[in-house]
N, C-alpha and C. Protein backbone atom coordinates (compact mmCIF):
# COMPACT_ATOMS: atom_id res chain seq x y z
N UNK A 1 -11.72 -18.47 -3.30
CA UNK A 1 -10.53 -17.62 -3.46
C UNK A 1 -10.42 -17.24 -4.92
N UNK A 2 -10.11 -16.01 -5.20
CA UNK A 2 -9.98 -15.54 -6.58
C UNK A 2 -8.72 -16.11 -7.22
N UNK A 3 -8.73 -16.22 -8.53
CA UNK A 3 -7.58 -16.70 -9.27
C UNK A 3 -6.69 -15.51 -9.60
N UNK A 4 -5.42 -15.63 -9.29
CA UNK A 4 -4.46 -14.57 -9.55
C UNK A 4 -3.53 -14.99 -10.68
N UNK A 5 -3.12 -14.05 -11.49
CA UNK A 5 -2.19 -14.30 -12.57
C UNK A 5 -0.84 -13.70 -12.19
N UNK A 6 0.26 -14.34 -12.61
CA UNK A 6 1.58 -13.83 -12.25
C UNK A 6 1.80 -12.40 -12.73
N UNK A 7 2.43 -11.62 -11.88
CA UNK A 7 2.80 -10.24 -12.19
C UNK A 7 4.29 -10.12 -11.90
N UNK A 8 5.08 -9.57 -12.81
CA UNK A 8 6.52 -9.45 -12.55
C UNK A 8 6.81 -8.56 -11.34
N UNK A 9 7.88 -8.88 -10.62
CA UNK A 9 8.32 -8.00 -9.54
C UNK A 9 8.72 -6.65 -10.14
N UNK A 10 8.47 -5.59 -9.40
CA UNK A 10 8.89 -4.26 -9.81
C UNK A 10 9.20 -3.44 -8.57
N UNK A 11 10.21 -2.61 -8.64
CA UNK A 11 10.54 -1.75 -7.50
C UNK A 11 9.52 -0.62 -7.34
N UNK A 12 8.62 -0.45 -8.30
CA UNK A 12 7.56 0.56 -8.19
C UNK A 12 6.54 0.22 -7.11
N UNK A 13 6.54 -1.04 -6.64
CA UNK A 13 5.52 -1.48 -5.70
C UNK A 13 6.05 -1.65 -4.29
N UNK A 14 7.26 -1.13 -4.01
CA UNK A 14 7.82 -1.22 -2.67
C UNK A 14 8.28 0.16 -2.20
N UNK A 15 8.27 0.33 -0.89
CA UNK A 15 8.75 1.59 -0.32
C UNK A 15 9.28 1.33 1.08
N UNK A 16 10.33 2.05 1.44
CA UNK A 16 10.89 2.01 2.78
C UNK A 16 11.06 3.45 3.25
N UNK A 17 10.44 3.79 4.35
CA UNK A 17 10.52 5.14 4.86
C UNK A 17 11.76 5.35 5.70
N UNK A 18 12.24 6.57 5.73
CA UNK A 18 13.33 6.94 6.63
C UNK A 18 12.78 6.91 8.06
N UNK A 19 13.66 6.97 9.05
CA UNK A 19 13.23 6.94 10.45
C UNK A 19 12.14 7.98 10.70
N UNK A 20 11.01 7.51 11.22
CA UNK A 20 9.91 8.39 11.57
C UNK A 20 9.06 8.87 10.41
N UNK A 21 9.37 8.46 9.18
CA UNK A 21 8.66 8.95 7.99
C UNK A 21 7.74 7.89 7.40
N UNK A 22 6.73 8.34 6.68
CA UNK A 22 5.79 7.44 6.00
C UNK A 22 6.48 6.70 4.85
N UNK A 23 5.96 5.53 4.52
CA UNK A 23 6.38 4.77 3.34
C UNK A 23 5.22 4.85 2.36
N UNK A 24 5.49 5.26 1.12
CA UNK A 24 4.42 5.52 0.16
C UNK A 24 4.72 4.85 -1.18
N UNK A 25 3.72 4.13 -1.70
CA UNK A 25 3.77 3.58 -3.05
C UNK A 25 2.70 4.30 -3.85
N UNK A 26 3.10 4.92 -4.97
CA UNK A 26 2.16 5.60 -5.85
C UNK A 26 2.09 4.86 -7.18
N UNK A 27 0.90 4.39 -7.52
CA UNK A 27 0.66 3.72 -8.79
C UNK A 27 0.12 4.79 -9.74
N UNK A 28 0.91 5.15 -10.73
CA UNK A 28 0.58 6.27 -11.62
C UNK A 28 -0.70 6.03 -12.41
N UNK A 29 -1.39 7.11 -12.71
CA UNK A 29 -2.61 7.04 -13.51
C UNK A 29 -2.31 6.45 -14.88
N UNK A 30 -3.24 5.70 -15.41
CA UNK A 30 -3.14 5.09 -16.74
C UNK A 30 -4.46 5.37 -17.45
N UNK A 31 -4.40 6.04 -18.58
CA UNK A 31 -5.61 6.46 -19.29
C UNK A 31 -6.47 5.28 -19.74
N UNK A 32 -5.86 4.12 -19.94
CA UNK A 32 -6.60 2.98 -20.51
C UNK A 32 -6.89 1.84 -19.54
N UNK A 33 -6.29 1.88 -18.35
CA UNK A 33 -6.46 0.75 -17.43
C UNK A 33 -6.69 1.22 -16.00
N UNK A 34 -7.13 0.28 -15.16
CA UNK A 34 -7.30 0.55 -13.72
C UNK A 34 -6.24 -0.24 -12.96
N UNK A 35 -5.91 0.21 -11.76
CA UNK A 35 -5.02 -0.53 -10.88
C UNK A 35 -5.87 -1.50 -10.05
N UNK A 36 -5.35 -2.69 -9.86
CA UNK A 36 -6.02 -3.70 -9.06
C UNK A 36 -5.04 -4.13 -7.97
N UNK A 37 -5.45 -3.99 -6.72
CA UNK A 37 -4.61 -4.36 -5.58
C UNK A 37 -5.17 -5.62 -4.95
N UNK A 38 -4.30 -6.64 -4.79
CA UNK A 38 -4.75 -7.90 -4.22
C UNK A 38 -4.22 -8.15 -2.80
N UNK A 39 -3.10 -7.50 -2.46
CA UNK A 39 -2.53 -7.74 -1.13
C UNK A 39 -1.53 -6.65 -0.79
N UNK A 40 -1.43 -6.33 0.49
CA UNK A 40 -0.48 -5.35 0.99
C UNK A 40 0.29 -6.01 2.13
N UNK A 41 1.61 -5.92 2.08
CA UNK A 41 2.47 -6.42 3.16
C UNK A 41 3.16 -5.20 3.77
N UNK A 42 3.33 -5.21 5.08
CA UNK A 42 3.94 -4.05 5.75
C UNK A 42 4.64 -4.49 7.01
N UNK A 43 5.54 -3.65 7.48
CA UNK A 43 6.15 -3.86 8.79
C UNK A 43 6.73 -2.55 9.29
N UNK A 44 6.82 -2.44 10.59
CA UNK A 44 7.54 -1.37 11.26
C UNK A 44 8.69 -2.02 12.02
N UNK A 45 9.79 -1.32 12.22
CA UNK A 45 10.94 -1.88 12.94
C UNK A 45 10.69 -1.99 14.44
N UNK A 46 9.68 -1.32 14.94
CA UNK A 46 9.23 -1.38 16.34
C UNK A 46 7.79 -0.91 16.35
N UNK A 47 7.12 -1.02 17.48
CA UNK A 47 5.73 -0.59 17.56
C UNK A 47 5.61 0.88 17.16
N UNK A 48 4.71 1.21 16.24
CA UNK A 48 4.56 2.58 15.78
C UNK A 48 3.67 3.42 16.70
N UNK A 49 3.79 4.72 16.56
CA UNK A 49 2.86 5.65 17.18
C UNK A 49 2.00 6.19 16.04
N UNK A 50 0.72 5.86 16.04
CA UNK A 50 -0.16 6.32 14.97
C UNK A 50 0.00 5.55 13.67
N UNK A 51 0.36 4.27 13.75
CA UNK A 51 0.53 3.46 12.54
C UNK A 51 -0.78 3.20 11.83
N UNK A 52 -0.74 3.14 10.51
CA UNK A 52 -1.93 2.86 9.71
C UNK A 52 -1.52 2.55 8.28
N UNK A 53 -2.41 1.88 7.56
CA UNK A 53 -2.28 1.69 6.12
C UNK A 53 -3.50 2.33 5.48
N UNK A 54 -3.27 3.17 4.47
CA UNK A 54 -4.38 3.78 3.74
C UNK A 54 -4.19 3.57 2.25
N UNK A 55 -5.31 3.51 1.54
CA UNK A 55 -5.32 3.50 0.09
C UNK A 55 -6.16 4.67 -0.37
N UNK A 56 -5.57 5.47 -1.27
CA UNK A 56 -6.30 6.59 -1.87
C UNK A 56 -6.52 6.29 -3.35
N UNK A 57 -7.73 6.51 -3.81
CA UNK A 57 -8.06 6.40 -5.23
C UNK A 57 -8.13 7.83 -5.74
N UNK A 58 -6.98 8.34 -6.17
CA UNK A 58 -6.86 9.76 -6.48
C UNK A 58 -6.37 10.46 -5.24
N UNK A 59 -5.73 11.58 -5.40
CA UNK A 59 -5.15 12.32 -4.28
C UNK A 59 -6.24 12.74 -3.30
N UNK A 60 -6.12 12.26 -2.07
CA UNK A 60 -7.02 12.69 -1.01
C UNK A 60 -8.31 11.90 -0.85
N UNK A 61 -8.64 11.01 -1.78
CA UNK A 61 -9.87 10.22 -1.67
C UNK A 61 -9.55 8.87 -1.03
N UNK A 62 -9.64 8.81 0.29
CA UNK A 62 -9.31 7.59 1.02
C UNK A 62 -10.44 6.58 0.84
N UNK A 63 -10.08 5.38 0.32
CA UNK A 63 -11.07 4.33 0.09
C UNK A 63 -10.83 3.13 1.01
N UNK A 64 -9.71 3.15 1.75
CA UNK A 64 -9.40 2.05 2.67
C UNK A 64 -8.47 2.60 3.74
N UNK A 65 -8.73 2.21 5.00
CA UNK A 65 -7.84 2.60 6.10
C UNK A 65 -7.95 1.56 7.20
N UNK A 66 -6.80 1.16 7.72
CA UNK A 66 -6.75 0.26 8.86
C UNK A 66 -5.61 0.71 9.77
N UNK A 67 -5.86 0.71 11.08
CA UNK A 67 -4.81 1.07 12.03
C UNK A 67 -3.84 -0.08 12.22
N UNK A 68 -2.58 0.25 12.47
CA UNK A 68 -1.53 -0.73 12.75
C UNK A 68 -0.92 -0.37 14.10
N UNK A 69 -0.96 -1.32 15.04
CA UNK A 69 -0.49 -1.01 16.39
C UNK A 69 0.76 -1.78 16.79
N UNK A 70 1.19 -2.73 15.97
CA UNK A 70 2.36 -3.55 16.30
C UNK A 70 3.41 -3.45 15.20
N UNK A 71 4.62 -3.91 15.51
CA UNK A 71 5.73 -3.81 14.57
C UNK A 71 5.49 -4.61 13.30
N UNK A 72 5.00 -5.81 13.42
CA UNK A 72 4.78 -6.62 12.23
C UNK A 72 5.85 -7.67 12.06
N UNK A 73 5.88 -8.34 10.94
CA UNK A 73 5.21 -8.00 9.70
C UNK A 73 3.71 -8.28 9.76
N UNK A 74 3.02 -7.64 8.82
CA UNK A 74 1.59 -7.82 8.71
C UNK A 74 1.19 -7.85 7.25
N UNK A 75 0.00 -8.35 6.99
CA UNK A 75 -0.49 -8.37 5.62
C UNK A 75 -1.98 -8.11 5.60
N UNK A 76 -2.40 -7.54 4.49
CA UNK A 76 -3.81 -7.26 4.26
C UNK A 76 -4.18 -7.91 2.93
N UNK A 77 -4.83 -9.09 2.99
CA UNK A 77 -5.28 -9.70 1.75
C UNK A 77 -6.60 -9.06 1.32
N UNK A 78 -6.70 -8.68 0.09
CA UNK A 78 -7.94 -8.10 -0.44
C UNK A 78 -8.55 -9.15 -1.37
N UNK A 79 -9.51 -9.89 -0.85
CA UNK A 79 -10.13 -10.96 -1.60
C UNK A 79 -11.64 -10.79 -1.54
N UNK A 80 -12.23 -10.33 -2.61
CA UNK A 80 -11.65 -10.19 -3.94
C UNK A 80 -10.74 -8.96 -4.02
N UNK A 81 -9.81 -8.97 -4.99
CA UNK A 81 -8.95 -7.80 -5.18
C UNK A 81 -9.79 -6.55 -5.44
N UNK A 82 -9.25 -5.40 -5.08
CA UNK A 82 -9.97 -4.13 -5.25
C UNK A 82 -9.37 -3.33 -6.39
N UNK A 83 -10.22 -2.64 -7.13
CA UNK A 83 -9.74 -1.84 -8.27
C UNK A 83 -9.99 -0.38 -8.02
N UNK A 84 -9.15 0.44 -8.63
CA UNK A 84 -9.30 1.88 -8.55
C UNK A 84 -10.10 2.39 -9.75
N UNK A 85 -10.01 3.68 -9.96
CA UNK A 85 -10.72 4.34 -11.05
C UNK A 85 -9.78 4.51 -12.25
N UNK A 86 -10.30 4.29 -13.43
CA UNK A 86 -9.52 4.46 -14.66
C UNK A 86 -8.95 5.88 -14.72
N UNK A 87 -7.70 5.97 -15.18
CA UNK A 87 -6.99 7.24 -15.34
C UNK A 87 -6.83 8.00 -14.02
N UNK A 88 -6.67 7.23 -12.94
CA UNK A 88 -6.50 7.83 -11.62
C UNK A 88 -5.37 7.11 -10.88
N UNK A 89 -4.46 7.88 -10.31
CA UNK A 89 -3.39 7.29 -9.51
C UNK A 89 -3.96 6.69 -8.24
N UNK A 90 -3.29 5.65 -7.75
CA UNK A 90 -3.63 5.11 -6.43
C UNK A 90 -2.41 5.32 -5.55
N UNK A 91 -2.65 5.75 -4.32
CA UNK A 91 -1.56 6.02 -3.38
C UNK A 91 -1.78 5.14 -2.15
N UNK A 92 -0.79 4.29 -1.88
CA UNK A 92 -0.86 3.40 -0.73
C UNK A 92 0.19 3.88 0.26
N UNK A 93 -0.23 4.14 1.50
CA UNK A 93 0.66 4.75 2.49
C UNK A 93 0.70 3.94 3.77
N UNK A 94 1.91 3.66 4.24
CA UNK A 94 2.13 3.16 5.59
C UNK A 94 2.50 4.39 6.39
N UNK A 95 1.64 4.78 7.31
CA UNK A 95 1.78 6.05 8.02
C UNK A 95 3.13 6.19 8.74
N UNK A 96 3.54 7.44 8.92
CA UNK A 96 4.76 7.75 9.67
C UNK A 96 4.64 7.14 11.06
N UNK A 97 5.64 6.36 11.48
CA UNK A 97 5.55 5.64 12.74
C UNK A 97 5.99 6.43 13.97
N UNK A 98 6.66 7.56 13.75
CA UNK A 98 7.17 8.34 14.85
C UNK A 98 8.55 7.89 15.31
N UNK A 99 9.27 8.80 15.93
CA UNK A 99 10.60 8.49 16.48
C UNK A 99 11.57 7.94 15.46
N UNK A 100 12.36 6.96 15.87
CA UNK A 100 13.37 6.37 14.99
C UNK A 100 12.86 5.11 14.30
N UNK A 101 11.57 4.82 14.43
CA UNK A 101 10.98 3.62 13.84
C UNK A 101 10.92 3.78 12.31
N UNK A 102 11.22 2.70 11.59
CA UNK A 102 11.16 2.69 10.13
C UNK A 102 10.07 1.74 9.67
N UNK A 103 9.45 2.09 8.54
CA UNK A 103 8.41 1.25 7.97
C UNK A 103 8.79 0.73 6.60
N UNK A 104 8.23 -0.41 6.23
CA UNK A 104 8.42 -1.00 4.89
C UNK A 104 7.06 -1.40 4.36
N UNK A 105 6.87 -1.18 3.06
CA UNK A 105 5.58 -1.41 2.43
C UNK A 105 5.79 -2.12 1.10
N UNK A 106 5.01 -3.17 0.86
CA UNK A 106 5.01 -3.91 -0.41
C UNK A 106 3.56 -4.07 -0.86
N UNK A 107 3.30 -3.74 -2.13
CA UNK A 107 1.95 -3.78 -2.65
C UNK A 107 1.89 -4.75 -3.83
N UNK A 108 0.98 -5.72 -3.75
CA UNK A 108 0.75 -6.62 -4.88
C UNK A 108 -0.35 -5.98 -5.72
N UNK A 109 0.05 -5.51 -6.91
CA UNK A 109 -0.90 -4.80 -7.77
C UNK A 109 -0.62 -5.11 -9.23
N UNK A 110 -1.65 -4.92 -10.05
CA UNK A 110 -1.52 -5.06 -11.49
C UNK A 110 -2.46 -4.05 -12.14
N UNK A 111 -2.32 -3.88 -13.46
CA UNK A 111 -3.21 -2.99 -14.22
C UNK A 111 -3.99 -3.81 -15.24
N UNK A 112 -5.26 -3.49 -15.37
CA UNK A 112 -6.09 -4.16 -16.38
C UNK A 112 -6.93 -3.14 -17.10
């Protein structure tokens, strides 16, 4: 198991979608560092229609995708942690669940 260092809580790493809408966390580009994601936690308030978690390294470049078929909660441990590209935003999305279902997304990430 990789060694993790404490990272302060921040509201930049959480998102809650409105009914039927996606939940999105965007880690802004940093000219000097990369984003490192070690774990993703998610849940839907009921079983989603078309549920999924995706990670984009830059707008539109999907580097990770997994389907989600149940309400949750669920987690995706990334061991070893995964890093993005320097000076590139990372976008983590819990797909729109459909109907009145709501999603919540928490991303464990740091910059190095």
